[in-house]
């Protein structure tokens, strides 16, 4: 994970995403690309476009030009703030800022070949208007990304304890491979949990012991637990009770944790757990 792509915006989550990215970049000795995308469709909204009928074409064009200038000012402000956080973390030499115009998904896609991890804030610029709604963009990024996606939370906190929800599926195995190969997290406390019920406890424990052995060989001392019950609730409860700082999980994979992360369930897990979530496809 040597190259990190961080998507920034004007929300309160943006600076916190920068701080989390700086934390990981220092540990992984990674470079960081900051990406801010101006979606000019905002200037074509009906509320704006309707002004052309009442004001005439020339005044309407003037308003559009002013809005575009404001967007440039906003991009410069986001760049200044983001780079200041990276500079404070001692990362000035490995950080670049990109301001692009277009669609966020298209811009991420165009940069995927040059990065190993995508970072995005849990909520965007409309977070204060609807605190319970995560929106569709985050889920689209997780689904479409060729690389792991780290969804960061509202307030930065130093990461000491990590919970890994392991299901034995392909995405979970990718997460295991990352943990085994990366040096960035090996000094942190790692909890590995899997799900089971009264019918498949033996199989769940077998899965847990297999991943435990892999992680021990790699230098971890994992604390392994099997959680019984609804995964969304039991994992969220474990996060709170054990004061976890970060969750690692496979996204949208078929799992024996009752199809833990399919469809909107991924979003539900991210919503419930008020900590950063590293998702593997």
Foldseek 3Di string as FASTA:
>chain_A
DAEEEEEAADALQRLQLLLVVLLLCVLQVHFYEYEYEAELCVCVDPVLVVVCVVPNDVVSVVVSVVVVVVVVVRLVVSVVSSLVSNVVSVRNVRYDYDYYYHDPVVVCVVCQVPGAEYEYEQADRCCVVPVQDSDDPVVVCCVPHPHKYKYFFNHDDDAAEEEEEAFPFPQNVVVLVCLLPTPRPQNHAYEYEYEDEPVCPVVRVVSQVVSCVSNVVSRHNYHYDYDYDQVLVRVLVCCVVVVGAEYEYEAQTQGPSNSCHRDCNVVSSPSSRRHMYIYGD
